[in-house]
C-alpha atoms as a PDB file:
ATOM      1  CA  MET A   1       8.914   7.782 -20.611  1.00  0.00           C
ATOM      2  CA  ILE A   2      10.243   7.418 -17.125  1.00  0.00           C
ATOM      3  CA  ARG A   3      12.263  10.429 -16.053  1.00  0.00           C
ATOM      4  CA  ARG A   4      15.926  10.107 -15.157  1.00  0.00           C
ATOM      5  CA  GLU A   5      15.248  11.241 -11.580  1.00  0.00           C
ATOM      6  CA  THR A   6      12.785   8.350 -11.162  1.00  0.00           C
ATOM      7  CA  TRP A   7      15.396   5.805 -12.274  1.00  0.00           C
ATOM      8  CA  GLN A   8      17.920   7.324  -9.878  1.00  0.00           C
ATOM      9  CA  ALA A   9      15.421   7.188  -7.027  1.00  0.00           C
ATOM     10  CA  TRP A  10      14.650   3.511  -7.659  1.00  0.00           C
ATOM     11  CA  ALA A  11      18.372   2.764  -7.963  1.00  0.00           C
ATOM     12  CA  LEU A  12      18.949   4.296  -4.546  1.00  0.00           C
ATOM     13  CA  LEU A  13      16.031   2.382  -3.035  1.00  0.00           C
ATOM     14  CA  LEU A  14      16.905  -0.945  -4.661  1.00  0.00           C
ATOM     15  CA  PRO A  15      19.511  -2.179  -2.091  1.00  0.00           C
ATOM     16  CA  ALA A  16      17.145  -1.522   0.821  1.00  0.00           C
ATOM     17  CA  LEU A  17      14.204  -3.061  -1.048  1.00  0.00           C
ATOM     18  CA  LEU A  18      16.202  -6.200  -1.851  1.00  0.00           C
ATOM     19  CA  LEU A  19      17.183  -6.619   1.796  1.00  0.00           C
ATOM     20  CA  LEU A  20      13.592  -5.993   2.920  1.00  0.00           C
ATOM     21  CA  VAL A  21      12.180  -8.562   0.513  1.00  0.00           C
ATOM     22  CA  ALA A  22      14.913 -11.135   1.162  1.00  0.00           C
ATOM     23  CA  PHE A  23      14.885 -10.984   4.957  1.00  0.00           C
ATOM     24  CA  THR A  24      11.340  -9.839   5.802  1.00  0.00           C
ATOM     25  CA  HIS A  25       8.698 -10.358   3.124  1.00  0.00           C
ATOM     26  CA  TRP A  26       9.914 -13.603   1.570  1.00  0.00           C
ATOM     27  CA  PRO A  27      10.502 -15.368   4.938  1.00  0.00           C
ATOM     28  CA  ALA A  28       6.958 -14.413   5.972  1.00  0.00           C
ATOM     29  CA  VAL A  29       5.503 -15.832   2.732  1.00  0.00           C
ATOM     30  CA  ALA A  30       7.664 -18.971   2.985  1.00  0.00           C
ATOM     31  CA  THR A  31       6.537 -19.497   6.585  1.00  0.00           C
ATOM     32  CA  LEU A  32       2.890 -19.233   5.529  1.00  0.00           C
ATOM     33  CA  ILE A  33       3.500 -21.818   2.776  1.00  0.00           C
ATOM     34  CA  ASP A  34       5.295 -24.187   5.178  1.00  0.00           C
ATOM     35  CA  SER A  35       2.379 -23.990   7.618  1.00  0.00           C
ATOM     36  CA  LEU A  36       0.145 -25.618   4.982  1.00  0.00           C
ATOM     37  CA  TYR A  37       2.357 -28.723   4.708  1.00  0.00           C
ATOM     38  CA  THR A  38       3.496 -31.529   6.974  1.00  0.00           C
ATOM     39  CA  THR A  39       7.017 -31.677   8.365  1.00  0.00           C
ATOM     40  CA  PRO A  40       9.379 -33.638   6.075  1.00  0.00           C
ATOM     41  CA  ARG A  41      10.794 -36.718   7.802  1.00  0.00           C
ATOM     42  CA  GLY A  42      13.876 -38.359   6.291  1.00  0.00           C
ATOM     43  CA  SER A  43      13.055 -39.432   2.753  1.00  0.00           C
ATOM     44  CA  ARG A  44       9.364 -38.565   3.162  1.00  0.00           C
ATOM     45  CA  PRO A  45       8.623 -35.238   1.430  1.00  0.00           C
ATOM     46  CA  PRO A  46       6.221 -32.658   2.891  1.00  0.00           C
ATOM     47  CA  ARG A  47       2.544 -33.232   2.093  1.00  0.00           C
ATOM     48  CA  PHE A  48      -0.048 -30.514   1.568  1.00  0.00           C
ATOM     49  CA  ILE A  49      -2.682 -30.601   4.342  1.00  0.00           C
ATOM     50  CA  GLY A  50      -4.232 -27.126   4.124  1.00  0.00           C
ATOM     51  CA  LEU A  51      -5.324 -25.689   7.459  1.00  0.00           C
ATOM     52  CA  GLU A  52      -4.960 -28.890   9.501  1.00  0.00           C
ATOM     53  CA  ASN A  53      -1.978 -27.519  11.409  1.00  0.00           C
ATOM     54  CA  PHE A  54      -4.034 -24.508  12.485  1.00  0.00           C
ATOM     55  CA  ALA A  55      -6.930 -26.753  13.490  1.00  0.00           C
ATOM     56  CA  SER A  56      -4.629 -28.880  15.640  1.00  0.00           C
ATOM     57  CA  LEU A  57      -3.627 -25.774  17.615  1.00  0.00           C
ATOM     58  CA  LEU A  58      -7.167 -25.582  18.989  1.00  0.00           C
ATOM     59  CA  ASP A  59      -6.505 -28.790  20.945  1.00  0.00           C
ATOM     60  CA  ASP A  60      -2.928 -27.887  21.933  1.00  0.00           C
ATOM     61  CA  ARG A  61      -2.961 -27.179  25.673  1.00  0.00           C
ATOM     62  CA  VAL A  62       0.608 -25.856  25.708  1.00  0.00           C
ATOM     63  CA  PHE A  63      -0.190 -23.370  22.932  1.00  0.00           C
ATOM     64  CA  TRP A  64      -3.100 -21.880  24.865  1.00  0.00           C
ATOM     65  CA  THR A  65      -0.987 -21.753  28.016  1.00  0.00           C
ATOM     66  CA  ALA A  66       1.817 -19.958  26.158  1.00  0.00           C
ATOM     67  CA  LEU A  67      -0.664 -17.539  24.587  1.00  0.00           C
ATOM     68  CA  ARG A  68      -2.238 -16.753  27.958  1.00  0.00           C
ATOM     69  CA  ASN A  69       1.173 -16.307  29.584  1.00  0.00           C
ATOM     70  CA  ASN A  70       2.240 -13.963  26.785  1.00  0.00           C
ATOM     71  CA  PHE A  71      -0.834 -11.782  27.171  1.00  0.00           C
ATOM     72  CA  ILE A  72      -0.305 -11.586  30.943  1.00  0.00           C
ATOM     73  CA  TYR A  73       3.370 -10.803  30.380  1.00  0.00           C
ATOM     74  CA  ALA A  74       2.542  -8.094  27.817  1.00  0.00           C
ATOM     75  CA  ALA A  75      -0.251  -6.579  29.935  1.00  0.00           C
ATOM     76  CA  ALA A  76       2.182  -6.211  32.841  1.00  0.00           C
ATOM     77  CA  THR A  77       5.441  -5.233  31.144  1.00  0.00           C
ATOM     78  CA  ILE A  78       4.149  -2.734  28.566  1.00  0.00           C
ATOM     79  CA  PRO A  79       2.413  -0.206  30.872  1.00  0.00           C
ATOM     80  CA  ALA A  80       4.972  -0.678  33.658  1.00  0.00           C
ATOM     81  CA  SER A  81       8.010  -0.088  31.434  1.00  0.00           C
ATOM     82  CA  VAL A  82       6.432   2.833  29.544  1.00  0.00           C
ATOM     83  CA  ILE A  83       5.211   4.634  32.674  1.00  0.00           C
ATOM     84  CA  LEU A  84       8.506   4.036  34.475  1.00  0.00           C
ATOM     85  CA  ALA A  85      10.435   5.298  31.433  1.00  0.00           C
ATOM     86  CA  LEU A  86       8.367   8.492  31.352  1.00  0.00           C
ATOM     87  CA  LEU A  87       8.866   9.086  35.078  1.00  0.00           C
ATOM     88  CA  MET A  88      12.618   8.549  34.771  1.00  0.00           C
ATOM     89  CA  ALA A  89      12.806  10.907  31.791  1.00  0.00           C
ATOM     90  CA  LEU A  90      10.915  13.591  33.689  1.00  0.00           C
ATOM     91  CA  ALA A  91      13.250  13.128  36.656  1.00  0.00           C
ATOM     92  CA  VAL A  92      16.519  13.389  34.720  1.00  0.00           C
ATOM     93  CA  ASN A  93      15.207  16.272  32.599  1.00  0.00           C
ATOM     94  CA  THR A  94      15.217  18.562  35.642  1.00  0.00           C
ATOM     95  CA  ALA A  95      18.252  20.241  37.189  1.00  0.00           C
ATOM     96  CA  LEU A  96      19.301  17.540  39.637  1.00  0.00           C
ATOM     97  CA  PRO A  97      22.763  17.199  41.209  1.00  0.00           C
ATOM     98  CA  GLY A  98      24.618  14.314  39.575  1.00  0.00           C
ATOM     99  CA  ARG A  99      22.176  14.210  36.668  1.00  0.00           C
ATOM    100  CA  PRO A 100      24.641  12.647  34.159  1.00  0.00           C
ATOM    101  CA  LEU A 101      25.371   9.793  36.578  1.00  0.00           C
ATOM    102  CA  LEU A 102      21.665   9.239  37.144  1.00  0.00           C
ATOM    103  CA  ARG A 103      21.035   9.086  33.407  1.00  0.00           C
ATOM    104  CA  MET A 104      23.850   6.598  32.996  1.00  0.00           C
ATOM    105  CA  ALA A 105      22.492   4.464  35.844  1.00  0.00           C
ATOM    106  CA  TYR A 106      19.036   4.382  34.258  1.00  0.00           C
ATOM    107  CA  PHE A 107      20.416   3.463  30.844  1.00  0.00           C
ATOM    108  CA  THR A 108      22.991   0.875  31.991  1.00  0.00           C
ATOM    109  CA  PRO A 109      20.592  -2.144  31.996  1.00  0.00           C
ATOM    110  CA  THR A 110      19.843  -1.485  28.330  1.00  0.00           C
ATOM    111  CA  MET A 111      23.504  -1.832  27.363  1.00  0.00           C
ATOM    112  CA  LEU A 112      23.883  -5.229  29.046  1.00  0.00           C
ATOM    113  CA  PRO A 113      23.429  -8.318  26.833  1.00  0.00           C
ATOM    114  CA  MET A 114      20.212 -10.268  27.354  1.00  0.00           C
ATOM    115  CA  ILE A 115      22.066 -13.391  28.483  1.00  0.00           C
ATOM    116  CA  ALA A 116      24.116 -11.395  31.003  1.00  0.00           C
ATOM    117  CA  VAL A 117      20.956  -9.815  32.422  1.00  0.00           C
ATOM    118  CA  ALA A 118      19.329 -13.233  32.750  1.00  0.00           C
ATOM    119  CA  ASN A 119      22.326 -14.625  34.630  1.00  0.00           C
ATOM    120  CA  ILE A 120      22.463 -11.616  36.974  1.00  0.00           C
ATOM    121  CA  TRP A 121      18.819 -11.985  37.916  1.00  0.00           C
ATOM    122  CA  LEU A 122      19.174 -15.754  38.086  1.00  0.00           C
ATOM    123  CA  PHE A 123      21.575 -15.151  40.979  1.00  0.00           C
ATOM    124  CA  PHE A 124      19.127 -12.697  42.586  1.00  0.00           C
ATOM    125  CA  PHE A 125      16.354 -15.296  42.501  1.00  0.00           C
ATOM    126  CA  THR A 126      18.474 -18.219  43.751  1.00  0.00           C
ATOM    127  CA  PRO A 127      16.877 -19.782  46.872  1.00  0.00           C
ATOM    128  CA  ASP A 128      18.796 -19.250  50.162  1.00  0.00           C
ATOM    129  CA  TYR A 129      21.812 -17.556  48.533  1.00  0.00           C
ATOM    130  CA  GLY A 130      20.118 -15.064  46.234  1.00  0.00           C
ATOM    131  CA  LEU A 131      19.752 -11.357  46.975  1.00  0.00           C
ATOM    132  CA  PHE A 132      16.002 -11.526  47.503  1.00  0.00           C
ATOM    133  CA  ASP A 133      16.189 -14.380  50.003  1.00  0.00           C
ATOM    134  CA  GLN A 134      19.083 -12.702  51.798  1.00  0.00           C
ATOM    135  CA  VAL A 135      17.059  -9.497  52.207  1.00  0.00           C
ATOM    136  CA  ALA A 136      13.960 -11.463  53.199  1.00  0.00           C
ATOM    137  CA  GLY A 137      16.015 -13.283  55.827  1.00  0.00           C
ATOM    138  CA  LEU A 138      16.831  -9.974  57.511  1.00  0.00           C
ATOM    139  CA  PHE A 139      13.117  -9.565  58.202  1.00  0.00           C
ATOM    140  CA  GLY A 140      12.658 -13.117  59.403  1.00  0.00           C
ATOM    141  CA  LEU A 141      10.949 -14.341  56.247  1.00  0.00           C
ATOM    142  CA  GLY A 142      11.542 -17.851  54.953  1.00  0.00           C
ATOM    143  CA  ARG A 143      13.200 -18.954  51.733  1.00  0.00           C
ATOM    144  CA  HIS A 144      11.304 -18.998  48.495  1.00  0.00           C
ATOM    145  CA  ASN A 145      12.067 -20.584  45.129  1.00  0.00           C
ATOM    146  CA  TRP A 146      11.045 -17.627  42.980  1.00  0.00           C
ATOM    147  CA  LEU A 147      11.627 -19.303  39.629  1.00  0.00           C
ATOM    148  CA  GLY A 148      10.557 -22.757  40.787  1.00  0.00           C
ATOM    149  CA  ASP A 149       7.115 -21.701  41.962  1.00  0.00           C
ATOM    150  CA  SER A 150       4.483 -21.410  39.238  1.00  0.00           C
ATOM    151  CA  ALA A 151       2.842 -18.538  41.150  1.00  0.00           C
ATOM    152  CA  THR A 152       5.962 -16.335  41.146  1.00  0.00           C
ATOM    153  CA  ALA A 153       7.971 -17.491  38.109  1.00  0.00           C
ATOM    154  CA  LEU A 154       6.171 -15.324  35.544  1.00  0.00           C
ATOM    155  CA  PRO A 155       6.068 -12.221  37.800  1.00  0.00           C
ATOM    156  CA  ALA A 156       9.818 -12.672  38.303  1.00  0.00           C
ATOM    157  CA  MET A 157      10.322 -12.635  34.529  1.00  0.00           C
ATOM    158  CA  ILE A 158       8.169  -9.522  34.299  1.00  0.00           C
ATOM    159  CA  VAL A 159      10.383  -7.711  36.836  1.00  0.00           C
ATOM    160  CA  VAL A 160      13.479  -8.547  34.779  1.00  0.00           C
ATOM    161  CA  ALA A 161      11.887  -7.271  31.550  1.00  0.00           C
ATOM    162  CA  VAL A 162      10.760  -3.964  33.071  1.00  0.00           C
ATOM    163  CA  TRP A 163      14.217  -3.408  34.592  1.00  0.00           C
ATOM    164  CA  LYS A 164      15.826  -4.096  31.203  1.00  0.00           C
ATOM    165  CA  GLU A 165      13.538  -2.067  28.938  1.00  0.00           C
ATOM    166  CA  ALA A 166      12.561   1.031  30.935  1.00  0.00           C
ATOM    167  CA  GLY A 167      15.952   2.696  30.466  1.00  0.00           C
ATOM    168  CA  PHE A 168      15.806   2.163  26.699  1.00  0.00           C
ATOM    169  CA  PHE A 169      12.393   3.819  26.411  1.00  0.00           C
ATOM    170  CA  MET A 170      13.546   6.612  28.730  1.00  0.00           C
ATOM    171  CA  ILE A 171      16.037   7.818  26.096  1.00  0.00           C
ATOM    172  CA  PHE A 172      13.246   8.516  23.582  1.00  0.00           C
ATOM    173  CA  TYR A 173      11.140  10.353  26.138  1.00  0.00           C
ATOM    174  CA  LEU A 174      14.143  12.380  27.268  1.00  0.00           C
ATOM    175  CA  ALA A 175      14.946  13.392  23.686  1.00  0.00           C
ATOM    176  CA  ALA A 176      11.323  14.439  23.143  1.00  0.00           C
ATOM    177  CA  LEU A 177      11.257  16.462  26.369  1.00  0.00           C
ATOM    178  CA  GLN A 178      14.444  18.300  25.479  1.00  0.00           C
ATOM    179  CA  ALA A 179      13.084  19.107  22.011  1.00  0.00           C
ATOM    180  CA  MET A 180      10.094  20.952  23.466  1.00  0.00           C
ATOM    181  CA  PRO A 181      10.281  24.766  23.179  1.00  0.00           C
ATOM    182  CA  PRO A 182      11.044  26.313  26.610  1.00  0.00           C
ATOM    183  CA  ASP A 183       8.661  29.201  25.935  1.00  0.00           C
ATOM    184  CA  LEU A 184       5.729  26.843  26.477  1.00  0.00           C
ATOM    185  CA  ARG A 185       6.700  26.489  30.134  1.00  0.00           C
ATOM    186  CA  GLU A 186       7.267  30.224  30.439  1.00  0.00           C
ATOM    187  CA  ALA A 187       3.843  30.988  28.958  1.00  0.00           C
ATOM    188  CA  ALA A 188       2.209  28.493  31.330  1.00  0.00           C
ATOM    189  CA  ASP A 189       3.943  30.122  34.308  1.00  0.00           C
ATOM    190  CA  LEU A 190       2.672  33.547  33.251  1.00  0.00           C
ATOM    191  CA  GLU A 191      -0.854  32.137  33.086  1.00  0.00           C
ATOM    192  CA  GLY A 192      -0.478  30.624  36.546  1.00  0.00           C
ATOM    193  CA  SER A 193      -0.789  27.025  35.365  1.00  0.00           C
ATOM    194  CA  SER A 194       0.204  24.308  37.829  1.00  0.00           C
ATOM    195  CA  ARG A 195       2.866  21.709  37.007  1.00  0.00           C
ATOM    196  CA  TRP A 196       0.283  18.931  36.834  1.00  0.00           C
ATOM    197  CA  ASN A 197      -2.007  20.922  34.550  1.00  0.00           C
ATOM    198  CA  PHE A 198       0.936  21.800  32.261  1.00  0.00           C
ATOM    199  CA  PHE A 199       1.976  18.154  32.128  1.00  0.00           C
ATOM    200  CA  ARG A 200      -1.562  16.953  31.370  1.00  0.00           C
ATOM    201  CA  ARG A 201      -2.506  19.664  28.884  1.00  0.00           C
ATOM    202  CA  VAL A 202       0.803  20.387  27.129  1.00  0.00           C
ATOM    203  CA  THR A 203       3.587  17.886  27.832  1.00  0.00           C
ATOM    204  CA  LEU A 204       1.593  14.673  27.490  1.00  0.00           C
ATOM    205  CA  PRO A 205      -0.099  15.590  24.173  1.00  0.00           C
ATOM    206  CA  LEU A 206       3.243  16.656  22.697  1.00  0.00           C
ATOM    207  CA  LEU A 207       4.733  13.326  23.795  1.00  0.00           C
ATOM    208  CA  MET A 208       2.087  11.262  22.016  1.00  0.00           C
ATOM    209  CA  PRO A 209       4.204  10.608  18.858  1.00  0.00           C
ATOM    210  CA  THR A 210       6.990   9.317  21.105  1.00  0.00           C
ATOM    211  CA  THR A 211       4.503   7.312  23.163  1.00  0.00           C
ATOM    212  CA  LEU A 212       3.135   5.643  20.029  1.00  0.00           C
ATOM    213  CA  PHE A 213       6.653   4.732  18.910  1.00  0.00           C
ATOM    214  CA  VAL A 214       7.545   3.402  22.361  1.00  0.00           C
ATOM    215  CA  LEU A 215       4.330   1.384  22.611  1.00  0.00           C
ATOM    216  CA  VAL A 216       4.892  -0.284  19.249  1.00  0.00           C
ATOM    217  CA  ASN A 217       8.396  -1.306  20.333  1.00  0.00           C
ATOM    218  CA  ALA A 218       7.146  -2.438  23.749  1.00  0.00           C
ATOM    219  CA  VAL A 219       4.515  -4.688  22.172  1.00  0.00           C
ATOM    220  CA  ILE A 220       7.067  -6.243  19.823  1.00  0.00           C
ATOM    221  CA  ASN A 221       9.477  -6.817  22.709  1.00  0.00           C
ATOM    222  CA  ALA A 222       6.728  -8.429  24.794  1.00  0.00           C
ATOM    223  CA  PHE A 223       6.093 -11.060  22.120  1.00  0.00           C
ATOM    224  CA  ARG A 224       9.667 -11.779  21.065  1.00  0.00           C
ATOM    225  CA  LEU A 225      11.238 -12.689  24.397  1.00  0.00           C
ATOM    226  CA  VAL A 226      13.128 -15.969  24.351  1.00  0.00           C
ATOM    227  CA  ASP A 227      16.623 -15.352  25.807  1.00  0.00           C
ATOM    228  CA  HIS A 228      15.553 -14.889  29.421  1.00  0.00           C
ATOM    229  CA  VAL A 229      13.235 -17.877  29.299  1.00  0.00           C
ATOM    230  CA  VAL A 230      15.972 -20.160  27.954  1.00  0.00           C
ATOM    231  CA  VAL A 231      18.491 -19.121  30.614  1.00  0.00           C
ATOM    232  CA  MET A 232      16.251 -18.709  33.647  1.00  0.00           C
ATOM    233  CA  THR A 233      13.357 -21.183  33.481  1.00  0.00           C
ATOM    234  CA  ARG A 234      13.197 -23.041  30.147  1.00  0.00           C
ATOM    235  CA  GLY A 235       9.465 -22.489  30.239  1.00  0.00           C
ATOM    236  CA  GLY A 236       8.912 -24.081  33.640  1.00  0.00           C
ATOM    237  CA  PRO A 237       7.673 -24.887  36.100  1.00  0.00           C
ATOM    238  CA  ASP A 238       4.795 -26.703  34.387  1.00  0.00           C
ATOM    239  CA  ASN A 239       4.871 -24.230  31.438  1.00  0.00           C
ATOM    240  CA  ALA A 240       4.252 -21.298  33.802  1.00  0.00           C
ATOM    241  CA  THR A 241       6.778 -19.148  31.906  1.00  0.00           C
ATOM    242  CA  THR A 242       6.360 -20.616  28.424  1.00  0.00           C
ATOM    243  CA  LEU A 243       5.818 -17.696  26.064  1.00  0.00           C
ATOM    244  CA  LEU A 244       4.766 -17.920  22.435  1.00  0.00           C
ATOM    245  CA  LEU A 245       8.180 -17.342  20.866  1.00  0.00           C
ATOM    246  CA  TYR A 246       9.822 -19.815  23.240  1.00  0.00           C
ATOM    247  CA  TYR A 247       7.200 -22.397  22.305  1.00  0.00           C
ATOM    248  CA  ILE A 248       8.018 -21.759  18.627  1.00  0.00           C
ATOM    249  CA  TYR A 249      11.720 -22.218  19.410  1.00  0.00           C
ATOM    250  CA  GLU A 250      11.080 -25.501  21.236  1.00  0.00           C
ATOM    251  CA  THR A 251       8.769 -26.840  18.538  1.00  0.00           C
ATOM    252  CA  GLY A 252      11.135 -26.010  15.714  1.00  0.00           C
ATOM    253  CA  PHE A 253      14.570 -26.693  17.209  1.00  0.00           C
ATOM    254  CA  ARG A 254      13.940 -29.209  19.973  1.00  0.00           C
ATOM    255  CA  PHE A 255      11.172 -31.367  18.502  1.00  0.00           C
ATOM    256  CA  TRP A 256      12.068 -30.552  14.847  1.00  0.00           C
ATOM    257  CA  ASP A 257       8.433 -30.071  13.901  1.00  0.00           C
ATOM    258  CA  THR A 258       9.079 -27.303  11.386  1.00  0.00           C
ATOM    259  CA  ALA A 259       5.545 -27.264   9.999  1.00  0.00           C
ATOM    260  CA  MET A 260       3.972 -26.661  13.409  1.00  0.00           C
ATOM    261  CA  ALA A 261       6.659 -24.065  14.206  1.00  0.00           C
ATOM    262  CA  ALA A 262       5.743 -22.280  10.976  1.00  0.00           C
ATOM    263  CA  THR A 263       2.064 -22.431  11.958  1.00  0.00           C
ATOM    264  CA  LEU A 264       2.815 -20.895  15.350  1.00  0.00           C
ATOM    265  CA  THR A 265       4.917 -18.212  13.662  1.00  0.00           C
ATOM    266  CA  VAL A 266       2.015 -17.279  11.378  1.00  0.00           C
ATOM    267  CA  VAL A 267      -0.234 -16.963  14.424  1.00  0.00           C
ATOM    268  CA  LEU A 268       2.345 -14.703  16.079  1.00  0.00           C
ATOM    269  CA  LEU A 269       2.666 -12.523  12.953  1.00  0.00           C
ATOM    270  CA  VAL A 270      -1.118 -12.140  12.670  1.00  0.00           C
ATOM    271  CA  LEU A 271      -1.328 -11.287  16.363  1.00  0.00           C
ATOM    272  CA  LEU A 272       1.375  -8.614  16.085  1.00  0.00           C
ATOM    273  CA  ALA A 273      -0.232  -7.178  12.951  1.00  0.00           C
ATOM    274  CA  ALA A 274      -3.592  -6.933  14.728  1.00  0.00           C
ATOM    275  CA  LEU A 275      -2.026  -5.236  17.733  1.00  0.00           C
ATOM    276  CA  ALA A 276      -0.149  -2.778  15.506  1.00  0.00           C
ATOM    277  CA  TRP A 277      -3.351  -1.944  13.621  1.00  0.00           C
ATOM    278  CA  LEU A 278      -5.123  -1.391  16.932  1.00  0.00           C
ATOM    279  CA  GLN A 279      -2.343   0.852  18.218  1.00  0.00           C
ATOM    280  CA  PHE A 280      -2.204   3.034  15.113  1.00  0.00           C
ATOM    281  CA  GLY A 281      -5.985   3.065  14.825  1.00  0.00           C
ATOM    282  CA  VAL A 282      -6.668   4.086  18.428  1.00  0.00           C
ATOM    283  CA  LEU A 283      -3.608   6.119  19.378  1.00  0.00           C
ATOM    284  CA  GLY A 284      -3.073   7.552  15.905  1.00  0.00           C
ATOM    285  CA  ARG A 285      -6.066   9.854  16.412  1.00  0.00           C
ATOM    286  CA  ARG A 286      -4.484  11.277  19.550  1.00  0.00           C
ATOM    287  CA  VAL A 287      -1.068  11.922  18.031  1.00  0.00           C
ATOM    288  CA  HIS A 288      -0.306  15.537  17.208  1.00  0.00           C
ATOM    289  CA  TYR A 289       2.808  16.081  15.073  1.00  0.00           C
ATOM    290  CA  ARG A 290       4.437  19.483  15.247  1.00  0.00           C
END
């Protein structure tokens, strides 16, 4: 017979399990099912077509452009935001004058809503009147349409993302640094270890659990951006800033092709699952839990 403690444990877990199944597992399964059918149109019901939607993606130029843009965006934002977060955490973890104000300044972008951040930077990038063109004018440089040029539109979005996310990741690094025993530093000083050697041999390995957590969140954030794209560029110019989630949004809610949107969502889920497996498989071996 099942023990009473087991029933109590399942009773406590049941509300969370119901929410997890209802809002995570079942939507994923339903999306996979929808990707195997056509989009219903009026009185015409959906028709089973198997993997035809996935095959049609191979000839979709916009899909490949969005996928390439997303990989470029992720390859730039993830290391930049993580490294900057670690540097900021190391800076505010030392005895600096005005340290609380500096911490607040670093964390402020994280507290701002995504739409507000997009509108702030939209003003910065405005040709002629924006902050960047005003500063460039002081040095005799000409105007530039940062978001209207396909060569600079995606880098501009990358700058916004790093500015927004670095302060959030800094909090986790700062908490991990403050949880480290101070006697480690004292022992290193007695041994005559340099600051760089202590950071490389002691601090960085002890930060690996935090780094793994931050990297997983950074990867998810890199593939779920849609707010900034909607406000700042709407995927332009010429799909230069179209990312995968924005393409899913356009396909599903602008063109009302729900079957293709479901297909794109399945591709995104598989991609994120593969990246998560790679992260835990590669970095998991280097993580040392105390």
